[in-house]
Amino acid sequence: MDLAELDGKLFTLWLTDEADESVVYSGIARLKVTGLFLEQDQQPPFEIRSEWYERIRTVTSEAVRKILRGADYFLHLLVGKLPDESGSEVFEKTGLKWPD
C-alpha cells in the first residue's frame, strides 16, 4: 500500500483483546518524515509502526465503515494485558487507554 494515499484520510485503529472485546480509536492518518501517525483530538499522535503497514486495510463495506467511525482505512491489532510481574520499562507506552 502506498502510504502517501493514507495521508489526511479517516483512519481507525481497531484493537481486540483475548476476551474478543474490541475498542476503536479513530482520527486522521498523517504521513510525516518519521512515519505514519494516527492523529486524534485531545490526544498525542499514535505511531503506526512500520511492521504493521502491511496489515492496513481499506474499508470496503458501508456497514463496517459505520462500526469503524467513518474510516477509509483501518489497522486491526490483537492486544493483551501486561503480566503483573513484568517491568513496564520493557514495553512501549502508547498513551492509549482501554475504556472501563
N, C-alpha and C. Protein backbone atom coordinates (compact mmCIF):
# COMPACT_ATOMS: atom_id res chain seq x y z
N MET A 1 0.85 -1.17 0.00
CA MET A 1 0.00 0.00 0.00
C MET A 1 0.89 1.24 0.00
N ASP A 2 0.50 2.21 -0.79
CA ASP A 2 1.22 3.47 -0.86
C ASP A 2 0.79 4.33 0.34
N LEU A 3 1.70 4.55 1.26
CA LEU A 3 1.37 5.31 2.47
C LEU A 3 0.92 6.73 2.17
N ALA A 4 1.40 7.30 1.08
CA ALA A 4 1.01 8.67 0.73
C ALA A 4 -0.49 8.78 0.50
N GLU A 5 -1.13 7.72 0.03
CA GLU A 5 -2.58 7.79 -0.20
C GLU A 5 -3.37 7.79 1.11
N LEU A 6 -2.73 7.42 2.23
CA LEU A 6 -3.40 7.44 3.53
C LEU A 6 -3.40 8.82 4.17
N ASP A 7 -2.44 9.65 3.78
CA ASP A 7 -2.26 10.95 4.42
C ASP A 7 -3.53 11.80 4.32
N GLY A 8 -4.04 12.21 5.49
CA GLY A 8 -5.22 13.06 5.54
C GLY A 8 -6.54 12.30 5.51
N LYS A 9 -6.49 10.98 5.45
CA LYS A 9 -7.72 10.17 5.37
C LYS A 9 -8.18 9.76 6.77
N LEU A 10 -9.48 9.50 6.88
CA LEU A 10 -10.03 8.98 8.13
C LEU A 10 -9.48 7.58 8.35
N PHE A 11 -8.95 7.34 9.56
CA PHE A 11 -8.25 6.10 9.87
C PHE A 11 -8.67 5.62 11.25
N THR A 12 -8.86 4.31 11.39
CA THR A 12 -9.24 3.74 12.68
C THR A 12 -8.25 2.65 13.08
N LEU A 13 -7.82 2.72 14.32
CA LEU A 13 -7.04 1.66 14.94
C LEU A 13 -8.04 0.82 15.72
N TRP A 14 -8.16 -0.47 15.37
CA TRP A 14 -9.13 -1.38 15.96
C TRP A 14 -8.35 -2.40 16.79
N LEU A 15 -8.56 -2.38 18.09
CA LEU A 15 -7.85 -3.29 19.00
C LEU A 15 -8.82 -4.32 19.55
N THR A 16 -8.39 -5.58 19.58
CA THR A 16 -9.20 -6.67 20.12
C THR A 16 -8.37 -7.42 21.14
N ASP A 17 -8.97 -7.69 22.32
CA ASP A 17 -8.24 -8.39 23.37
C ASP A 17 -8.52 -9.89 23.35
N GLU A 18 -7.92 -10.61 24.31
CA GLU A 18 -8.04 -12.07 24.37
C GLU A 18 -9.46 -12.53 24.70
N ALA A 19 -10.31 -11.67 25.23
CA ALA A 19 -11.71 -11.98 25.52
C ALA A 19 -12.61 -11.63 24.32
N ASP A 20 -12.00 -11.27 23.21
CA ASP A 20 -12.70 -10.88 21.98
C ASP A 20 -13.50 -9.60 22.14
N GLU A 21 -13.08 -8.75 23.09
CA GLU A 21 -13.65 -7.41 23.26
C GLU A 21 -12.84 -6.45 22.40
N SER A 22 -13.50 -5.47 21.83
CA SER A 22 -12.80 -4.53 20.95
C SER A 22 -13.04 -3.09 21.35
N VAL A 23 -12.10 -2.26 20.95
CA VAL A 23 -12.21 -0.82 21.09
C VAL A 23 -11.61 -0.21 19.83
N VAL A 24 -12.18 0.90 19.38
CA VAL A 24 -11.64 1.56 18.20
C VAL A 24 -11.23 2.99 18.55
N TYR A 25 -10.13 3.40 17.96
CA TYR A 25 -9.62 4.77 18.09
C TYR A 25 -9.57 5.33 16.68
N SER A 26 -10.29 6.39 16.46
CA SER A 26 -10.33 6.93 15.10
C SER A 26 -9.78 8.35 15.07
N GLY A 27 -9.32 8.71 13.90
CA GLY A 27 -8.76 10.04 13.69
C GLY A 27 -8.34 10.19 12.24
N ILE A 28 -7.29 10.94 12.03
CA ILE A 28 -6.77 11.22 10.70
C ILE A 28 -5.37 10.62 10.59
N ALA A 29 -5.11 9.91 9.50
CA ALA A 29 -3.77 9.39 9.23
C ALA A 29 -2.90 10.54 8.73
N ARG A 30 -1.71 10.67 9.30
CA ARG A 30 -0.76 11.70 8.88
C ARG A 30 0.59 11.06 8.59
N LEU A 31 1.07 11.28 7.38
CA LEU A 31 2.38 10.80 6.99
C LEU A 31 3.38 11.91 7.26
N LYS A 32 4.35 11.60 8.12
CA LYS A 32 5.39 12.56 8.48
C LYS A 32 6.73 11.98 8.08
N VAL A 33 7.77 12.76 8.22
CA VAL A 33 9.11 12.30 7.87
C VAL A 33 9.47 11.04 8.65
N THR A 34 9.01 10.96 9.90
CA THR A 34 9.37 9.84 10.77
C THR A 34 8.43 8.64 10.65
N GLY A 35 7.36 8.73 9.86
CA GLY A 35 6.46 7.61 9.68
C GLY A 35 5.00 8.03 9.64
N LEU A 36 4.13 7.02 9.80
CA LEU A 36 2.69 7.22 9.75
C LEU A 36 2.14 7.33 11.17
N PHE A 37 1.23 8.27 11.37
CA PHE A 37 0.65 8.51 12.69
C PHE A 37 -0.86 8.63 12.60
N LEU A 38 -1.53 8.22 13.69
CA LEU A 38 -2.95 8.45 13.86
C LEU A 38 -3.08 9.68 14.74
N GLU A 39 -3.68 10.74 14.21
CA GLU A 39 -3.91 11.95 14.99
C GLU A 39 -5.36 11.97 15.44
N GLN A 40 -5.54 12.17 16.75
CA GLN A 40 -6.86 12.23 17.36
C GLN A 40 -7.00 13.53 18.12
N ASP A 41 -8.23 14.01 18.24
CA ASP A 41 -8.48 15.21 19.05
C ASP A 41 -8.05 14.96 20.49
N GLN A 42 -7.40 15.93 21.09
CA GLN A 42 -7.06 15.92 22.51
C GLN A 42 -6.12 14.78 22.92
N GLN A 43 -5.48 14.10 21.97
CA GLN A 43 -4.57 13.00 22.28
C GLN A 43 -3.26 13.20 21.52
N PRO A 44 -2.16 12.71 22.08
CA PRO A 44 -0.91 12.77 21.32
C PRO A 44 -1.01 11.83 20.12
N PRO A 45 -0.29 12.11 19.04
CA PRO A 45 -0.32 11.23 17.87
C PRO A 45 0.14 9.82 18.25
N PHE A 46 -0.50 8.82 17.66
CA PHE A 46 -0.13 7.42 17.87
C PHE A 46 0.62 6.94 16.64
N GLU A 47 1.83 6.43 16.84
CA GLU A 47 2.64 5.96 15.72
C GLU A 47 2.14 4.60 15.23
N ILE A 48 1.90 4.52 13.94
CA ILE A 48 1.60 3.25 13.29
C ILE A 48 2.96 2.68 12.88
N ARG A 49 3.39 1.66 13.58
CA ARG A 49 4.74 1.13 13.37
C ARG A 49 4.89 0.52 11.99
N SER A 50 6.08 0.64 11.44
CA SER A 50 6.34 0.19 10.06
C SER A 50 6.05 -1.30 9.88
N GLU A 51 6.24 -2.11 10.91
CA GLU A 51 5.96 -3.54 10.77
C GLU A 51 4.47 -3.84 10.67
N TRP A 52 3.64 -2.84 10.94
CA TRP A 52 2.19 -3.02 10.81
C TRP A 52 1.66 -2.54 9.47
N TYR A 53 2.44 -1.85 8.68
CA TYR A 53 1.95 -1.24 7.44
C TYR A 53 1.25 -2.26 6.54
N GLU A 54 1.80 -3.45 6.43
CA GLU A 54 1.20 -4.45 5.52
C GLU A 54 -0.16 -4.93 6.00
N ARG A 55 -0.52 -4.63 7.24
CA ARG A 55 -1.81 -5.05 7.80
C ARG A 55 -2.89 -3.98 7.66
N ILE A 56 -2.56 -2.82 7.15
CA ILE A 56 -3.55 -1.75 6.95
C ILE A 56 -4.47 -2.16 5.80
N ARG A 57 -5.76 -1.99 6.03
CA ARG A 57 -6.77 -2.38 5.05
C ARG A 57 -7.68 -1.20 4.70
N THR A 58 -8.22 -1.27 3.50
CA THR A 58 -9.22 -0.31 3.04
C THR A 58 -10.59 -0.77 3.52
N VAL A 59 -11.41 0.14 3.99
CA VAL A 59 -12.78 -0.19 4.37
C VAL A 59 -13.60 -0.26 3.08
N THR A 60 -14.22 -1.41 2.83
CA THR A 60 -14.95 -1.61 1.58
C THR A 60 -16.45 -1.74 1.78
N SER A 61 -16.89 -1.84 3.02
CA SER A 61 -18.31 -2.03 3.32
C SER A 61 -18.83 -0.84 4.12
N GLU A 62 -20.00 -0.36 3.75
CA GLU A 62 -20.60 0.75 4.49
C GLU A 62 -20.97 0.34 5.91
N ALA A 63 -21.34 -0.93 6.12
CA ALA A 63 -21.66 -1.42 7.47
C ALA A 63 -20.41 -1.38 8.35
N VAL A 64 -19.29 -1.82 7.80
CA VAL A 64 -18.02 -1.79 8.55
C VAL A 64 -17.58 -0.35 8.76
N ARG A 65 -17.76 0.50 7.76
CA ARG A 65 -17.39 1.92 7.88
C ARG A 65 -18.12 2.56 9.07
N LYS A 66 -19.39 2.20 9.28
CA LYS A 66 -20.15 2.72 10.41
C LYS A 66 -19.53 2.29 11.73
N ILE A 67 -19.18 1.01 11.83
CA ILE A 67 -18.58 0.47 13.05
C ILE A 67 -17.24 1.13 13.32
N LEU A 68 -16.49 1.40 12.27
CA LEU A 68 -15.15 1.98 12.40
C LEU A 68 -15.17 3.50 12.31
N ARG A 69 -16.30 4.08 12.66
CA ARG A 69 -16.47 5.54 12.79
C ARG A 69 -16.14 6.32 11.53
N GLY A 70 -16.57 5.80 10.39
CA GLY A 70 -16.42 6.52 9.13
C GLY A 70 -15.07 6.37 8.47
N ALA A 71 -14.24 5.47 8.96
CA ALA A 71 -12.87 5.34 8.45
C ALA A 71 -12.81 4.90 7.00
N ASP A 72 -11.80 5.42 6.31
CA ASP A 72 -11.48 4.97 4.96
C ASP A 72 -10.52 3.78 5.01
N TYR A 73 -9.68 3.76 6.06
CA TYR A 73 -8.67 2.71 6.26
C TYR A 73 -8.65 2.32 7.72
N PHE A 74 -8.19 1.09 8.00
CA PHE A 74 -8.08 0.65 9.39
C PHE A 74 -6.91 -0.31 9.56
N LEU A 75 -6.51 -0.43 10.82
CA LEU A 75 -5.49 -1.38 11.24
C LEU A 75 -6.06 -2.14 12.41
N HIS A 76 -6.14 -3.47 12.30
CA HIS A 76 -6.68 -4.32 13.37
C HIS A 76 -5.51 -5.02 14.06
N LEU A 77 -5.40 -4.83 15.37
CA LEU A 77 -4.34 -5.47 16.16
C LEU A 77 -4.95 -6.23 17.34
N LEU A 78 -4.32 -7.34 17.68
CA LEU A 78 -4.70 -8.09 18.88
C LEU A 78 -3.81 -7.62 20.02
N VAL A 79 -4.42 -7.42 21.19
CA VAL A 79 -3.68 -6.91 22.34
C VAL A 79 -3.95 -7.80 23.55
N GLY A 80 -3.07 -7.69 24.54
CA GLY A 80 -3.24 -8.46 25.77
C GLY A 80 -2.83 -7.63 26.97
N LYS A 81 -3.12 -8.16 28.14
CA LYS A 81 -2.76 -7.49 29.39
C LYS A 81 -1.29 -7.70 29.68
N LEU A 82 -0.72 -6.73 30.35
CA LEU A 82 0.67 -6.87 30.79
C LEU A 82 0.72 -7.83 31.96
N PRO A 83 1.70 -8.73 31.96
CA PRO A 83 1.85 -9.61 33.13
C PRO A 83 2.16 -8.77 34.37
N ASP A 84 1.63 -9.17 35.52
CA ASP A 84 1.83 -8.42 36.76
C ASP A 84 3.29 -8.30 37.15
N GLU A 85 4.08 -9.34 36.88
CA GLU A 85 5.47 -9.34 37.30
C GLU A 85 6.40 -8.62 36.33
N SER A 86 5.90 -8.19 35.21
CA SER A 86 6.77 -7.56 34.22
C SER A 86 7.08 -6.12 34.61
N GLY A 87 8.26 -5.70 34.25
CA GLY A 87 8.62 -4.30 34.45
C GLY A 87 8.13 -3.49 33.27
N SER A 88 7.52 -2.37 33.53
CA SER A 88 6.95 -1.57 32.46
C SER A 88 8.02 -1.00 31.53
N GLU A 89 9.26 -1.02 31.94
CA GLU A 89 10.32 -0.45 31.11
C GLU A 89 10.57 -1.26 29.83
N VAL A 90 10.10 -2.50 29.76
CA VAL A 90 10.32 -3.30 28.56
C VAL A 90 9.21 -3.12 27.53
N PHE A 91 8.16 -2.38 27.87
CA PHE A 91 7.05 -2.17 26.96
C PHE A 91 7.01 -0.72 26.49
N GLU A 92 6.55 -0.55 25.27
CA GLU A 92 6.43 0.79 24.71
C GLU A 92 5.12 1.43 25.17
N LYS A 93 5.19 2.64 25.68
CA LYS A 93 3.98 3.35 26.10
C LYS A 93 3.30 3.93 24.86
N THR A 94 2.02 3.65 24.73
CA THR A 94 1.28 4.14 23.57
C THR A 94 0.43 5.35 23.90
N GLY A 95 0.07 5.51 25.16
CA GLY A 95 -0.84 6.60 25.54
C GLY A 95 -2.29 6.23 25.34
N LEU A 96 -2.56 5.05 24.78
CA LEU A 96 -3.94 4.61 24.58
C LEU A 96 -4.44 3.95 25.86
N LYS A 97 -5.67 4.22 26.20
CA LYS A 97 -6.30 3.65 27.39
C LYS A 97 -7.49 2.79 26.98
N TRP A 98 -7.54 1.59 27.52
CA TRP A 98 -8.69 0.71 27.28
C TRP A 98 -9.84 1.25 28.12
N PRO A 99 -11.00 1.47 27.51
CA PRO A 99 -12.13 2.03 28.28
C PRO A 99 -12.59 1.07 29.37
N ASP A 100 -13.08 1.65 30.47
CA ASP A 100 -13.59 0.83 31.60
C ASP A 100 -14.95 0.27 31.28
